C-alpha atoms as a PDB file:
ATOM      1  CA  MET A   1      -1.926 -87.639  28.661  1.00  0.00           C
ATOM      2  CA  GLY A   2      -4.222 -86.481  25.866  1.00  0.00           C
ATOM      3  CA  ASN A   3      -6.058 -84.328  28.353  1.00  0.00           C
ATOM      4  CA  GLU A   4      -2.795 -82.666  29.439  1.00  0.00           C
ATOM      5  CA  LYS A   5      -1.951 -81.936  25.805  1.00  0.00           C
ATOM      6  CA  GLY A   6      -5.386 -80.379  25.253  1.00  0.00           C
ATOM      7  CA  SER A   7      -5.033 -78.364  28.404  1.00  0.00           C
ATOM      8  CA  SER A   8      -1.569 -77.203  27.309  1.00  0.00           C
ATOM      9  CA  ILE A   9      -2.928 -76.163  23.890  1.00  0.00           C
ATOM     10  CA  ASN A  10      -5.800 -74.325  25.557  1.00  0.00           C
ATOM     11  CA  GLY A  11      -3.303 -72.562  27.811  1.00  0.00           C
ATOM     12  CA  ILE A  12      -1.161 -71.550  24.825  1.00  0.00           C
ATOM     13  CA  GLN A  13      -4.236 -70.339  22.977  1.00  0.00           C
ATOM     14  CA  ALA A  14      -5.296 -68.315  26.002  1.00  0.00           C
ATOM     15  CA  GLU A  15      -1.802 -66.785  26.212  1.00  0.00           C
ATOM     16  CA  MET A  16      -1.950 -66.006  22.465  1.00  0.00           C
ATOM     17  CA  VAL A  17      -5.278 -64.222  22.948  1.00  0.00           C
ATOM     18  CA  LYS A  18      -3.775 -62.214  25.823  1.00  0.00           C
ATOM     19  CA  LEU A  19      -0.710 -61.363  23.715  1.00  0.00           C
ATOM     20  CA  ARG A  20      -2.880 -60.257  20.789  1.00  0.00           C
ATOM     21  CA  GLN A  21      -4.906 -58.061  23.137  1.00  0.00           C
ATOM     22  CA  ARG A  22      -1.737 -56.521  24.578  1.00  0.00           C
ATOM     23  CA  VAL A  23      -0.364 -55.910  21.064  1.00  0.00           C
ATOM     24  CA  LYS A  24      -3.667 -54.308  20.102  1.00  0.00           C
ATOM     25  CA  VAL A  25      -3.594 -52.062  23.182  1.00  0.00           C
ATOM     26  CA  LEU A  26       0.026 -51.088  22.424  1.00  0.00           C
ATOM     27  CA  GLU A  27      -0.789 -50.356  18.778  1.00  0.00           C
ATOM     28  CA  GLU A  28      -3.816 -48.289  19.802  1.00  0.00           C
ATOM     29  CA  SER A  29      -1.759 -46.334  22.329  1.00  0.00           C
ATOM     30  CA  ARG A  30       0.975 -45.698  19.704  1.00  0.00           C
ATOM     31  CA  PHE A  31      -1.705 -44.651  17.223  1.00  0.00           C
ATOM     32  CA  LEU A  32      -3.287 -42.308  19.788  1.00  0.00           C
ATOM     33  CA  LYS A  33       0.137 -40.890  20.650  1.00  0.00           C
ATOM     34  CA  LYS A  34       0.832 -40.342  16.947  1.00  0.00           C
ATOM     35  CA  ILE A  35      -2.525 -38.564  16.563  1.00  0.00           C
ATOM     36  CA  GLY A  36      -1.689 -36.454  19.615  1.00  0.00           C
ATOM     37  CA  ASP A  37       1.745 -35.601  18.181  1.00  0.00           C
ATOM     38  CA  ILE A  38       0.168 -34.648  14.844  1.00  0.00           C
ATOM     39  CA  ALA A  39      -2.374 -32.451  16.618  1.00  0.00           C
ATOM     40  CA  ILE A  40       0.437 -30.695  18.506  1.00  0.00           C
ATOM     41  CA  GLU A  41       2.437 -30.187  15.290  1.00  0.00           C
ATOM     42  CA  ARG A  42      -0.684 -28.816  13.595  1.00  0.00           C
ATOM     43  CA  GLN A  43      -1.277 -26.353  16.439  1.00  0.00           C
ATOM     44  CA  GLU A  44       2.359 -25.242  16.309  1.00  0.00           C
ATOM     45  CA  LEU A  45       2.135 -24.668  12.548  1.00  0.00           C
ATOM     46  CA  LEU A  46      -1.149 -22.765  12.851  1.00  0.00           C
ATOM     47  CA  SER A  47       0.380 -20.667  15.613  1.00  0.00           C
ATOM     48  CA  ILE A  48       3.276 -19.737  13.325  1.00  0.00           C
ATOM     49  CA  PHE A  49       0.965 -18.764  10.449  1.00  0.00           C
ATOM     50  CA  ASP A  50      -1.322 -16.783  12.754  1.00  0.00           C
ATOM     51  CA  SER A  51       1.649 -14.851  14.151  1.00  0.00           C
ATOM     52  CA  ILE A  52       2.512 -13.534  10.674  1.00  0.00           C
ATOM     53  CA  ASP A  53       1.010 -10.070  10.176  1.00  0.00           C
ATOM     54  CA  GLU A  54       0.551 -10.512   6.418  1.00  0.00           C
ATOM     55  CA  PRO A  55      -2.424 -12.294   4.806  1.00  0.00           C
ATOM     56  CA  ILE A  56      -1.930 -16.004   4.083  1.00  0.00           C
ATOM     57  CA  TYR A  57      -4.465 -18.323   2.540  1.00  0.00           C
ATOM     58  CA  VAL A  58      -4.726 -21.743   0.907  1.00  0.00           C
ATOM     59  CA  SER A  59      -7.334 -22.604  -1.714  1.00  0.00           C
ATOM     60  CA  ASP A  60      -8.288 -25.479  -3.968  1.00  0.00           C
ATOM     61  CA  PRO A  61      -7.206 -24.658  -7.561  1.00  0.00           C
ATOM     62  CA  VAL A  62     -10.153 -26.550  -9.061  1.00  0.00           C
ATOM     63  CA  THR A  63     -13.082 -25.488  -6.852  1.00  0.00           C
ATOM     64  CA  TYR A  64     -11.490 -22.214  -5.612  1.00  0.00           C
ATOM     65  CA  GLU A  65     -12.667 -23.121  -2.095  1.00  0.00           C
ATOM     66  CA  VAL A  66     -10.669 -21.405   0.668  1.00  0.00           C
ATOM     67  CA  LEU A  67      -9.159 -24.168   2.821  1.00  0.00           C
ATOM     68  CA  PHE A  68      -7.084 -22.114   5.255  1.00  0.00           C
ATOM     69  CA  ILE A  69      -6.739 -18.475   6.329  1.00  0.00           C
ATOM     70  CA  ASN A  70      -4.482 -16.949   8.939  1.00  0.00           C
ATOM     71  CA  HIS A  71      -5.515 -14.349  11.505  1.00  0.00           C
ATOM     72  CA  ALA A  72      -4.275 -11.404   9.387  1.00  0.00           C
ATOM     73  CA  ILE A  73      -6.499 -12.246   6.413  1.00  0.00           C
ATOM     74  CA  LYS A  74      -9.446 -12.997   8.697  1.00  0.00           C
ATOM     75  CA  LYS A  75      -9.018  -9.542  10.227  1.00  0.00           C
ATOM     76  CA  ARG A  76      -9.075  -7.883   6.774  1.00  0.00           C
ATOM     77  CA  PHE A  77     -11.691  -9.961   4.956  1.00  0.00           C
ATOM     78  CA  GLY A  78     -13.624 -11.854   7.642  1.00  0.00           C
ATOM     79  CA  ASP A  79     -13.970 -15.613   7.956  1.00  0.00           C
ATOM     80  CA  ALA A  80     -13.522 -16.771   4.366  1.00  0.00           C
ATOM     81  CA  LEU A  81     -13.165 -20.504   5.086  1.00  0.00           C
ATOM     82  CA  GLY A  82     -15.264 -22.536   2.671  1.00  0.00           C
ATOM     83  CA  GLN A  83     -15.952 -19.550   0.396  1.00  0.00           C
ATOM     84  CA  LYS A  84     -14.644 -19.098  -3.144  1.00  0.00           C
ATOM     85  CA  CYS A  85     -11.359 -17.167  -3.024  1.00  0.00           C
ATOM     86  CA  HIS A  86     -12.414 -14.796  -5.827  1.00  0.00           C
ATOM     87  CA  LYS A  87     -15.580 -13.869  -3.899  1.00  0.00           C
ATOM     88  CA  ALA A  88     -13.972 -13.659  -0.463  1.00  0.00           C
ATOM     89  CA  PHE A  89     -10.909 -11.601  -1.409  1.00  0.00           C
ATOM     90  CA  GLN A  90     -11.844  -9.747  -4.618  1.00  0.00           C
ATOM     91  CA  ASN A  91     -15.667  -9.640  -4.404  1.00  0.00           C
ATOM     92  CA  LEU A  92     -15.974 -11.292  -7.825  1.00  0.00           C
ATOM     93  CA  THR A  93     -18.637 -13.778  -8.917  1.00  0.00           C
ATOM     94  CA  SER A  94     -16.264 -15.848 -11.067  1.00  0.00           C
ATOM     95  CA  PRO A  95     -12.563 -16.749 -10.914  1.00  0.00           C
ATOM     96  CA  CYS A  96     -10.190 -13.800 -11.231  1.00  0.00           C
ATOM     97  CA  SER A  97      -8.976 -12.959 -14.727  1.00  0.00           C
ATOM     98  CA  PHE A  98      -5.551 -12.472 -13.125  1.00  0.00           C
ATOM     99  CA  CYS A  99      -5.562 -15.840 -11.299  1.00  0.00           C
ATOM    100  CA  THR A 100      -2.000 -17.118 -11.124  1.00  0.00           C
ATOM    101  CA  ASN A 101      -2.822 -20.850 -11.009  1.00  0.00           C
ATOM    102  CA  ILE A 102      -1.324 -21.164 -14.507  1.00  0.00           C
ATOM    103  CA  HIS A 103       1.996 -19.961 -13.060  1.00  0.00           C
ATOM    104  CA  ILE A 104       2.181 -22.476 -10.184  1.00  0.00           C
ATOM    105  CA  PHE A 105       0.506 -25.647 -11.508  1.00  0.00           C
ATOM    106  CA  GLY A 106       1.028 -27.878 -14.542  1.00  0.00           C
ATOM    107  CA  LYS A 107       4.444 -27.375 -16.123  1.00  0.00           C
ATOM    108  CA  ASN A 108       5.210 -24.741 -13.428  1.00  0.00           C
ATOM    109  CA  LEU A 109       4.556 -27.047 -10.472  1.00  0.00           C
ATOM    110  CA  GLY A 110       7.227 -26.487  -7.832  1.00  0.00           C
ATOM    111  CA  ARG A 111       7.925 -22.924  -8.917  1.00  0.00           C
ATOM    112  CA  THR A 112       7.173 -19.843  -6.859  1.00  0.00           C
ATOM    113  CA  TYR A 113       5.396 -16.994  -8.632  1.00  0.00           C
ATOM    114  CA  ILE A 114       5.856 -13.440  -7.311  1.00  0.00           C
ATOM    115  CA  TRP A 115       3.673 -10.598  -8.523  1.00  0.00           C
ATOM    116  CA  GLU A 116       2.216  -7.247  -7.470  1.00  0.00           C
ATOM    117  CA  PHE A 117      -1.454  -6.373  -7.467  1.00  0.00           C
ATOM    118  CA  GLN A 118      -3.888  -3.829  -6.079  1.00  0.00           C
ATOM    119  CA  ASN A 119      -6.706  -5.585  -4.228  1.00  0.00           C
ATOM    120  CA  ARG A 120     -10.159  -4.609  -5.480  1.00  0.00           C
ATOM    121  CA  VAL A 121     -11.756  -4.716  -2.028  1.00  0.00           C
ATOM    122  CA  ASP A 122      -9.332  -2.962   0.349  1.00  0.00           C
ATOM    123  CA  LYS A 123      -7.524  -1.001  -2.429  1.00  0.00           C
ATOM    124  CA  ASN A 124      -4.096  -1.853  -0.971  1.00  0.00           C
ATOM    125  CA  TRP A 125      -1.150  -2.919  -3.108  1.00  0.00           C
ATOM    126  CA  TYR A 126       0.327  -6.347  -2.345  1.00  0.00           C
ATOM    127  CA  ARG A 127       3.421  -8.254  -3.372  1.00  0.00           C
ATOM    128  CA  CYS A 128       1.992 -11.770  -3.645  1.00  0.00           C
ATOM    129  CA  ILE A 129       4.058 -14.932  -3.345  1.00  0.00           C
ATOM    130  CA  ASP A 130       2.201 -17.959  -4.734  1.00  0.00           C
ATOM    131  CA  ARG A 131       3.167 -21.623  -4.747  1.00  0.00           C
ATOM    132  CA  ALA A 132       1.509 -25.005  -5.112  1.00  0.00           C
ATOM    133  CA  ILE A 133       1.817 -27.113  -1.959  1.00  0.00           C
ATOM    134  CA  LYS A 134       0.673 -30.604  -1.027  1.00  0.00           C
ATOM    135  CA  TRP A 135      -2.363 -30.571   1.274  1.00  0.00           C
ATOM    136  CA  PRO A 136      -2.703 -33.257   4.000  1.00  0.00           C
ATOM    137  CA  ASP A 137      -5.292 -35.140   1.910  1.00  0.00           C
ATOM    138  CA  GLY A 138      -2.725 -35.482  -0.906  1.00  0.00           C
ATOM    139  CA  ARG A 139      -4.082 -32.928  -3.370  1.00  0.00           C
ATOM    140  CA  MET A 140      -2.035 -30.003  -4.637  1.00  0.00           C
ATOM    141  CA  VAL A 141      -3.417 -26.639  -3.496  1.00  0.00           C
ATOM    142  CA  ARG A 142      -2.612 -22.962  -3.922  1.00  0.00           C
ATOM    143  CA  TYR A 143      -0.727 -21.174  -1.122  1.00  0.00           C
ATOM    144  CA  GLU A 144      -0.412 -17.384  -1.119  1.00  0.00           C
ATOM    145  CA  ILE A 145       1.154 -14.860   1.212  1.00  0.00           C
ATOM    146  CA  ALA A 146       0.450 -11.227   0.353  1.00  0.00           C
ATOM    147  CA  LEU A 147       2.882  -8.599   1.628  1.00  0.00           C
ATOM    148  CA  ASN A 148       1.298  -5.164   1.920  1.00  0.00           C
ATOM    149  CA  ILE A 149       3.407  -2.744  -0.160  1.00  0.00           C
ATOM    150  CA  ASN A 150       0.859   0.058  -0.287  1.00  0.00           C
ATOM    151  CA  ASP A 151       3.159   2.599   1.425  1.00  0.00           C
ATOM    152  CA  ILE A 152       6.019   1.725  -0.922  1.00  0.00           C
ATOM    153  CA  LYS A 153       3.763   2.110  -3.982  1.00  0.00           C
ATOM    154  CA  LEU A 154       2.452   5.472  -2.743  1.00  0.00           C
ATOM    155  CA  GLU A 155       5.987   6.732  -2.036  1.00  0.00           C
ATOM    156  CA  LYS A 156       7.163   5.522  -5.438  1.00  0.00           C
ATOM    157  CA  GLU A 157       4.259   7.315  -7.112  1.00  0.00           C
ATOM    158  CA  ALA A 158       5.004  10.525  -5.159  1.00  0.00           C
ATOM    159  CA  LEU A 159       8.694  10.309  -6.152  1.00  0.00           C
ATOM    160  CA  TYR A 160       7.758   9.819  -9.803  1.00  0.00           C
ATOM    161  CA  LYS A 161       5.471  12.874  -9.718  1.00  0.00           C
ATOM    162  CA  GLU A 162       8.204  14.950  -8.046  1.00  0.00           C
ATOM    163  CA  LYS A 163      10.714  13.816 -10.676  1.00  0.00           C
ATOM    164  CA  GLN A 164       8.305  14.864 -13.434  1.00  0.00           C
ATOM    165  CA  ARG A 165       7.792  18.253 -11.741  1.00  0.00           C
ATOM    166  CA  LEU A 166      11.561  18.817 -11.453  1.00  0.00           C
ATOM    167  CA  GLU A 167      12.111  17.790 -15.095  1.00  0.00           C
ATOM    168  CA  LYS A 168       9.444  20.286 -16.147  1.00  0.00           C
ATOM    169  CA  ILE A 169      11.195  23.018 -14.125  1.00  0.00           C
ATOM    170  CA  LYS A 170      14.508  22.052 -15.748  1.00  0.00           C
ATOM    171  CA  ASP A 171      12.945  22.150 -19.229  1.00  0.00           C
ATOM    172  CA  ASP A 172      11.308  25.515 -18.473  1.00  0.00           C
ATOM    173  CA  THR A 173      14.644  26.854 -17.138  1.00  0.00           C
ATOM    174  CA  THR A 174      16.472  25.663 -20.257  1.00  0.00           C
ATOM    175  CA  ASP A 175      13.875  27.348 -22.465  1.00  0.00           C
ATOM    176  CA  LEU A 176      14.209  30.548 -20.415  1.00  0.00           C
ATOM    177  CA  GLN A 177      18.018  30.436 -20.721  1.00  0.00           C
ATOM    178  CA  LYS A 178      17.705  30.099 -24.518  1.00  0.00           C
ATOM    179  CA  GLU A 179      15.344  33.052 -24.660  1.00  0.00           C
ATOM    180  CA  VAL A 180      17.682  35.205 -22.514  1.00  0.00           C
ATOM    181  CA  ASN A 181      20.649  34.259 -24.741  1.00  0.00           C
ATOM    182  CA  THR A 182      18.643  35.100 -27.886  1.00  0.00           C
ATOM    183  CA  LEU A 183      17.689  38.460 -26.380  1.00  0.00           C
ATOM    184  CA  LEU A 184      21.285  39.163 -25.324  1.00  0.00           C
ATOM    185  CA  GLU A 185      22.496  38.355 -28.850  1.00  0.00           C
ATOM    186  CA  ALA A 186      19.880  40.653 -30.325  1.00  0.00           C
ATOM    187  CA  LEU A 187      21.169  43.394 -28.057  1.00  0.00           C
ATOM    188  CA  GLY A 188      24.733  42.637 -29.181  1.00  0.00           C
ATOM    189  CA  ARG A 189      25.955  41.185 -25.951  1.00  0.00           C
ATOM    190  CA  LYS A 190      27.751  37.917 -25.300  1.00  0.00           C
ATOM    191  CA  LYS A 191      25.747  34.854 -24.285  1.00  0.00           C
ATOM    192  CA  LYS A 192      25.640  34.719 -20.540  1.00  0.00           C
ATOM    193  CA  TYR A 193      24.065  31.277 -19.988  1.00  0.00           C
ATOM    194  CA  ASN A 194      25.359  27.953 -21.199  1.00  0.00           C
ATOM    195  CA  VAL A 195      22.529  25.796 -22.400  1.00  0.00           C
END
């Protein structure tokens, strides 16, 4: 009888070992599936960012290391991954004096900061949209998308110059009208132009 009990316990223990192995296999397969799902989600996200024609990058606000770039920024500035953002995008040896980290971290965490700037390397004007985001390793990082507004800036500048030119013509015309009226008065005639 004691031998049957020992045999029964050994059988239960063997079944427990088998069950633990099956649980382990199931957990590993779920874990591998989860990793596979995460990899697919990552590829989908990267595909979205790479399909955007405007420069996008992510950098560490402490080390200034570039952690992510999309295809558009790679096309304009080369492969900047691992470089300092100020060197890669502005060709500076130290952090930019206009760095907007102060506007998106600290008391401004969670806020979006929008600003316009002319890039020192490609000389284009950009409307930059900056925000702190949580990186997969848990740290907060800087995200920026830069919309090229160079054509808009150039058109605006041309319109401003044209407006100045037209105002000068108007001022010159007004001065000419005054002179004609003064001359007409001197000749004893009525003023012809209303100024």
